[in-house]
């Protein structure tokens, strides 16, 4: 009887131990990828922070130029987001094998799903990185354009004031 018990125990333990080894291998593989993921996330965070700083710096520089342009002109005038098969339930070996396969499949599926999710995250992070770069470039260009508009406005206003002053001088000098 104890021999029968031993065989049953062995029938149950072997597939479960094999599944345990499969789970360990799969999770060990997944763990090896963590440093790469951590590094990538850190790089994207640093890039996002640097891009935000650059955007703010460019905006503030353009604001400085705009303010200086307006001040130089106006200071003299103004201030300030399973299926288990029922027939196999009678055999402990079949139940154990099916269970072991199910656990193995679930584990493999979970790890594969995690990889897919991580790949999706990396794709999103890559898209985010590109978006941040575009936002940085666009903000820099908009800041440059704003500064140019302000300089153009300053020049037009200065020319108009000069023309007005010249016309006033001619108008007053013609009356004398």
C-alpha atoms as a PDB file:
ATOM      1  CA  UNK A   1       0.000   0.000   0.000  1.00  0.00           C
ATOM      2  CA  UNK A   2       2.737   2.412   0.794  1.00  0.00           C
ATOM      3  CA  UNK A   3       4.309   1.599  -2.569  1.00  0.00           C
ATOM      4  CA  UNK A   4       1.049   2.539  -4.270  1.00  0.00           C
ATOM      5  CA  UNK A   5       0.957   5.753  -2.272  1.00  0.00           C
ATOM      6  CA  UNK A   6       4.537   6.524  -3.300  1.00  0.00           C
ATOM      7  CA  UNK A   7       3.713   5.966  -6.986  1.00  0.00           C
ATOM      8  CA  UNK A   8       0.686   8.238  -6.773  1.00  0.00           C
ATOM      9  CA  UNK A   9       2.741  10.881  -5.034  1.00  0.00           C
ATOM     10  CA  UNK A  10       5.430  10.576  -7.726  1.00  0.00           C
ATOM     11  CA  UNK A  11       2.779  10.781 -10.491  1.00  0.00           C
ATOM     12  CA  UNK A  12       1.560  14.015  -8.973  1.00  0.00           C
ATOM     13  CA  UNK A  13       4.932  15.500  -8.087  1.00  0.00           C
ATOM     14  CA  UNK A  14       6.829  14.985 -11.353  1.00  0.00           C
ATOM     15  CA  UNK A  15       4.594  17.122 -13.626  1.00  0.00           C
ATOM     16  CA  UNK A  16       4.206  19.768 -10.940  1.00  0.00           C
ATOM     17  CA  UNK A  17       7.964  19.931 -10.368  1.00  0.00           C
ATOM     18  CA  UNK A  18       8.505  20.216 -14.128  1.00  0.00           C
ATOM     19  CA  UNK A  19       5.986  23.034 -14.264  1.00  0.00           C
ATOM     20  CA  UNK A  20       7.715  24.691 -11.335  1.00  0.00           C
ATOM     21  CA  UNK A  21      11.011  24.602 -13.270  1.00  0.00           C
ATOM     22  CA  UNK A  22       9.295  26.025 -16.349  1.00  0.00           C
ATOM     23  CA  UNK A  23       7.821  28.839 -14.270  1.00  0.00           C
ATOM     24  CA  UNK A  24      11.243  29.559 -12.766  1.00  0.00           C
ATOM     25  CA  UNK A  25      12.906  29.693 -16.197  1.00  0.00           C
ATOM     26  CA  UNK A  26      10.206  31.948 -17.573  1.00  0.00           C
ATOM     27  CA  UNK A  27      10.252  34.322 -14.626  1.00  0.00           C
ATOM     28  CA  UNK A  28      14.070  34.375 -14.584  1.00  0.00           C
ATOM     29  CA  UNK A  29      13.993  35.460 -18.235  1.00  0.00           C
ATOM     30  CA  UNK A  30      11.489  38.182 -17.420  1.00  0.00           C
ATOM     31  CA  UNK A  31      13.580  39.362 -14.452  1.00  0.00           C
ATOM     32  CA  UNK A  32      16.641  39.719 -16.676  1.00  0.00           C
ATOM     33  CA  UNK A  33      14.748  42.309 -18.726  1.00  0.00           C
ATOM     34  CA  UNK A  34      13.989  44.588 -15.765  1.00  0.00           C
ATOM     35  CA  UNK A  35      17.261  46.587 -15.905  1.00  0.00           C
ATOM     36  CA  UNK A  36      16.645  47.372 -19.579  1.00  0.00           C
ATOM     37  CA  UNK A  37      13.091  48.540 -18.810  1.00  0.00           C
ATOM     38  CA  UNK A  38      14.245  50.584 -15.825  1.00  0.00           C
ATOM     39  CA  UNK A  39      16.971  52.238 -17.863  1.00  0.00           C
ATOM     40  CA  UNK A  40      14.545  53.070 -20.674  1.00  0.00           C
ATOM     41  CA  UNK A  41      11.979  54.554 -18.288  1.00  0.00           C
ATOM     42  CA  UNK A  42      14.667  56.621 -16.587  1.00  0.00           C
ATOM     43  CA  UNK A  43      15.936  57.871 -19.937  1.00  0.00           C
ATOM     44  CA  UNK A  44      12.422  58.868 -21.016  1.00  0.00           C
ATOM     45  CA  UNK A  45      11.802  60.618 -17.702  1.00  0.00           C
ATOM     46  CA  UNK A  46      15.077  62.509 -18.001  1.00  0.00           C
ATOM     47  CA  UNK A  47      14.283  63.384 -21.618  1.00  0.00           C
ATOM     48  CA  UNK A  48      10.808  64.613 -20.653  1.00  0.00           C
ATOM     49  CA  UNK A  49      12.186  66.725 -17.837  1.00  0.00           C
ATOM     50  CA  UNK A  50      14.925  68.176 -20.046  1.00  0.00           C
ATOM     51  CA  UNK A  51      12.430  68.872 -22.838  1.00  0.00           C
ATOM     52  CA  UNK A  52      10.125  70.643 -20.370  1.00  0.00           C
ATOM     53  CA  UNK A  53      13.032  72.754 -19.174  1.00  0.00           C
ATOM     54  CA  UNK A  54      14.041  73.557 -22.761  1.00  0.00           C
ATOM     55  CA  UNK A  55      10.461  74.498 -23.673  1.00  0.00           C
ATOM     56  CA  UNK A  56      10.190  76.757 -20.645  1.00  0.00           C
ATOM     57  CA  UNK A  57      13.608  78.303 -21.291  1.00  0.00           C
ATOM     58  CA  UNK A  58      12.774  78.992 -24.943  1.00  0.00           C
ATOM     59  CA  UNK A  59       9.411  80.445 -24.031  1.00  0.00           C
ATOM     60  CA  UNK A  60      10.908  82.668 -21.362  1.00  0.00           C
ATOM     61  CA  UNK A  61      13.677  83.837 -23.703  1.00  0.00           C
ATOM     62  CA  UNK A  62      11.125  84.744 -26.377  1.00  0.00           C
ATOM     63  CA  UNK A  63       9.029  86.519 -23.771  1.00  0.00           C
ATOM     64  CA  UNK A  64      12.098  88.439 -22.716  1.00  0.00           C
ATOM     65  CA  UNK A  65      12.715  89.492 -26.319  1.00  0.00           C
ATOM     66  CA  UNK A  66       9.076  90.396 -26.821  1.00  0.00           C
ATOM     67  CA  UNK A  67       8.971  92.433 -23.642  1.00  0.00           C
ATOM     68  CA  UNK A  68      12.254  94.164 -24.496  1.00  0.00           C
ATOM     69  CA  UNK A  69      10.935  94.933 -27.976  1.00  0.00           C
ATOM     70  CA  UNK A  70       7.737  96.444 -26.638  1.00  0.00           C
ATOM     71  CA  UNK A  71       9.496  98.201 -23.783  1.00  0.00           C
ATOM     72  CA  UNK A  72      12.074  99.765 -26.061  1.00  0.00           C
ATOM     73  CA  UNK A  73       9.245 101.153 -28.136  1.00  0.00           C
ATOM     74  CA  UNK A  74       6.662 102.014 -25.489  1.00  0.00           C
ATOM     75  CA  UNK A  75       8.657 103.019 -22.353  1.00  0.00           C
ATOM     76  CA  UNK A  76       8.670 106.673 -23.308  1.00  0.00           C
ATOM     77  CA  UNK A  77       4.844 106.489 -23.672  1.00  0.00           C
ATOM     78  CA  UNK A  78       3.545 103.640 -21.281  1.00  0.00           C
ATOM     79  CA  UNK A  79       4.629 101.420 -18.169  1.00  0.00           C
ATOM     80  CA  UNK A  80       4.072  97.845 -17.809  1.00  0.00           C
ATOM     81  CA  UNK A  81      -2.567  66.056 -19.669  1.00  0.00           C
ATOM     82  CA  UNK A  82      -9.626  25.114 -20.299  1.00  0.00           C
ATOM     83  CA  UNK A  83     -10.895  23.246 -20.716  1.00  0.00           C
ATOM     84  CA  UNK A  84     -10.650  20.219 -18.355  1.00  0.00           C
ATOM     85  CA  UNK A  85     -11.941  16.916 -19.861  1.00  0.00           C
ATOM     86  CA  UNK A  86     -14.483  15.374 -17.453  1.00  0.00           C
ATOM     87  CA  UNK A  87     -13.414  11.836 -18.445  1.00  0.00           C
ATOM     88  CA  UNK A  88      -9.858  12.418 -17.203  1.00  0.00           C
ATOM     89  CA  UNK A  89     -10.873  13.388 -13.689  1.00  0.00           C
ATOM     90  CA  UNK A  90     -10.852   9.713 -12.655  1.00  0.00           C
ATOM     91  CA  UNK A  91      -7.094   9.426 -13.241  1.00  0.00           C
ATOM     92  CA  UNK A  92      -4.839  11.295 -10.801  1.00  0.00           C
ATOM     93  CA  UNK A  93      -2.073  11.213 -13.396  1.00  0.00           C
ATOM     94  CA  UNK A  94      -4.294  12.861 -16.053  1.00  0.00           C
ATOM     95  CA  UNK A  95      -5.612  15.411 -13.613  1.00  0.00           C
ATOM     96  CA  UNK A  96      -2.103  16.268 -12.509  1.00  0.00           C
ATOM     97  CA  UNK A  97      -0.791  16.433 -16.067  1.00  0.00           C
ATOM     98  CA  UNK A  98      -3.690  18.599 -17.183  1.00  0.00           C
ATOM     99  CA  UNK A  99      -3.290  20.821 -14.176  1.00  0.00           C
ATOM    100  CA  UNK A 100       0.448  21.106 -14.758  1.00  0.00           C
ATOM    101  CA  UNK A 101      -0.151  21.973 -18.438  1.00  0.00           C
ATOM    102  CA  UNK A 102      -2.762  24.510 -17.467  1.00  0.00           C
ATOM    103  CA  UNK A 103      -0.451  26.157 -14.955  1.00  0.00           C
ATOM    104  CA  UNK A 104       2.362  26.111 -17.489  1.00  0.00           C
ATOM    105  CA  UNK A 105       0.120  27.605 -20.196  1.00  0.00           C
ATOM    106  CA  UNK A 106      -1.218  30.257 -17.859  1.00  0.00           C
ATOM    107  CA  UNK A 107       2.299  31.130 -16.804  1.00  0.00           C
ATOM    108  CA  UNK A 108       3.534  31.263 -20.387  1.00  0.00           C
ATOM    109  CA  UNK A 109       0.510  33.318 -21.390  1.00  0.00           C
ATOM    110  CA  UNK A 110       0.996  35.674 -18.483  1.00  0.00           C
ATOM    111  CA  UNK A 111       4.663  36.173 -19.293  1.00  0.00           C
ATOM    112  CA  UNK A 112       3.867  36.617 -22.995  1.00  0.00           C
ATOM    113  CA  UNK A 113       1.141  39.115 -22.111  1.00  0.00           C
ATOM    114  CA  UNK A 114       3.565  40.959 -19.892  1.00  0.00           C
ATOM    115  CA  UNK A 115       6.086  41.080 -22.733  1.00  0.00           C
ATOM    116  CA  UNK A 116       3.387  42.360 -25.085  1.00  0.00           C
ATOM    117  CA  UNK A 117       2.362  44.987 -22.563  1.00  0.00           C
ATOM    118  CA  UNK A 118       5.984  46.005 -22.071  1.00  0.00           C
ATOM    119  CA  UNK A 119       6.456  46.218 -25.837  1.00  0.00           C
ATOM    120  CA  UNK A 120       3.341  48.360 -26.078  1.00  0.00           C
ATOM    121  CA  UNK A 121       4.669  50.553 -23.291  1.00  0.00           C
ATOM    122  CA  UNK A 122       8.010  50.887 -25.049  1.00  0.00           C
ATOM    123  CA  UNK A 123       6.228  51.798 -28.273  1.00  0.00           C
ATOM    124  CA  UNK A 124       4.212  54.378 -26.393  1.00  0.00           C
ATOM    125  CA  UNK A 125       7.327  55.685 -24.697  1.00  0.00           C
ATOM    126  CA  UNK A 126       9.078  55.933 -28.061  1.00  0.00           C
ATOM    127  CA  UNK A 127       6.097  57.825 -29.457  1.00  0.00           C
ATOM    128  CA  UNK A 128       6.103  60.011 -26.339  1.00  0.00           C
ATOM    129  CA  UNK A 129       9.802  60.711 -26.808  1.00  0.00           C
ATOM    130  CA  UNK A 130       9.155  61.734 -30.412  1.00  0.00           C
ATOM    131  CA  UNK A 131       6.203  63.882 -29.325  1.00  0.00           C
ATOM    132  CA  UNK A 132       8.314  65.568 -26.679  1.00  0.00           C
ATOM    133  CA  UNK A 133      11.032  66.289 -29.240  1.00  0.00           C
ATOM    134  CA  UNK A 134       8.443  67.726 -31.624  1.00  0.00           C
ATOM    135  CA  UNK A 135       6.939  69.792 -28.810  1.00  0.00           C
ATOM    136  CA  UNK A 136      10.413  71.070 -27.942  1.00  0.00           C
ATOM    137  CA  UNK A 137      11.180  71.921 -31.564  1.00  0.00           C
ATOM    138  CA  UNK A 138       7.761  73.476 -32.129  1.00  0.00           C
ATOM    139  CA  UNK A 139       7.945  75.529 -28.952  1.00  0.00           C
ATOM    140  CA  UNK A 140      11.372  76.785 -29.962  1.00  0.00           C
ATOM    141  CA  UNK A 141      10.087  77.706 -33.429  1.00  0.00           C
ATOM    142  CA  UNK A 142       6.953  79.379 -32.060  1.00  0.00           C
ATOM    143  CA  UNK A 143       9.087  81.323 -29.607  1.00  0.00           C
ATOM    144  CA  UNK A 144      11.361  82.419 -32.446  1.00  0.00           C
ATOM    145  CA  UNK A 145       8.349  83.428 -34.551  1.00  0.00           C
ATOM    146  CA  UNK A 146       6.824  85.375 -31.653  1.00  0.00           C
ATOM    147  CA  UNK A 147      10.071  87.222 -31.130  1.00  0.00           C
ATOM    148  CA  UNK A 148      10.264  87.990 -34.878  1.00  0.00           C
ATOM    149  CA  UNK A 149       6.675  89.259 -34.895  1.00  0.00           C
ATOM    150  CA  UNK A 150       7.438  91.479 -31.931  1.00  0.00           C
ATOM    151  CA  UNK A 151      10.582  92.821 -33.643  1.00  0.00           C
ATOM    152  CA  UNK A 152       8.620  93.409 -36.846  1.00  0.00           C
ATOM    153  CA  UNK A 153       5.900  95.191 -34.890  1.00  0.00           C
ATOM    154  CA  UNK A 154       8.571  97.259 -33.153  1.00  0.00           C
ATOM    155  CA  UNK A 155      10.177  98.206 -36.487  1.00  0.00           C
ATOM    156  CA  UNK A 156       6.823  99.048 -38.123  1.00  0.00           C
ATOM    157  CA  UNK A 157       5.773 101.130 -35.145  1.00  0.00           C
ATOM    158  CA  UNK A 158       9.148 102.852 -35.016  1.00  0.00           C
ATOM    159  CA  UNK A 159       8.981 103.585 -38.769  1.00  0.00           C
ATOM    160  CA  UNK A 160       5.426 104.870 -38.400  1.00  0.00           C
ATOM    161  CA  UNK A 161       6.438 107.112 -35.518  1.00  0.00           C
ATOM    162  CA  UNK A 162       9.437 108.342 -37.487  1.00  0.00           C
ATOM    163  CA  UNK A 163       7.258 108.991 -40.564  1.00  0.00           C
ATOM    164  CA  UNK A 164       4.673 110.714 -38.402  1.00  0.00           C
ATOM    165  CA  UNK A 165       7.349 112.824 -36.731  1.00  0.00           C
ATOM    166  CA  UNK A 166       8.884 113.689 -40.103  1.00  0.00           C
ATOM    167  CA  UNK A 167       5.464 114.627 -41.493  1.00  0.00           C
ATOM    168  CA  UNK A 168       4.743 116.748 -38.425  1.00  0.00           C
ATOM    169  CA  UNK A 169       8.060 118.536 -38.825  1.00  0.00           C
ATOM    170  CA  UNK A 170       7.309 119.189 -42.516  1.00  0.00           C
ATOM    171  CA  UNK A 171       3.750 120.237 -41.755  1.00  0.00           C
ATOM    172  CA  UNK A 172       4.892 122.703 -39.080  1.00  0.00           C
ATOM    173  CA  UNK A 173       7.799 123.957 -41.099  1.00  0.00           C
ATOM    174  CA  UNK A 174       5.540 124.583 -44.123  1.00  0.00           C
ATOM    175  CA  UNK A 175       3.236 126.782 -42.028  1.00  0.00           C
ATOM    176  CA  UNK A 176       5.916 129.142 -40.866  1.00  0.00           C
END
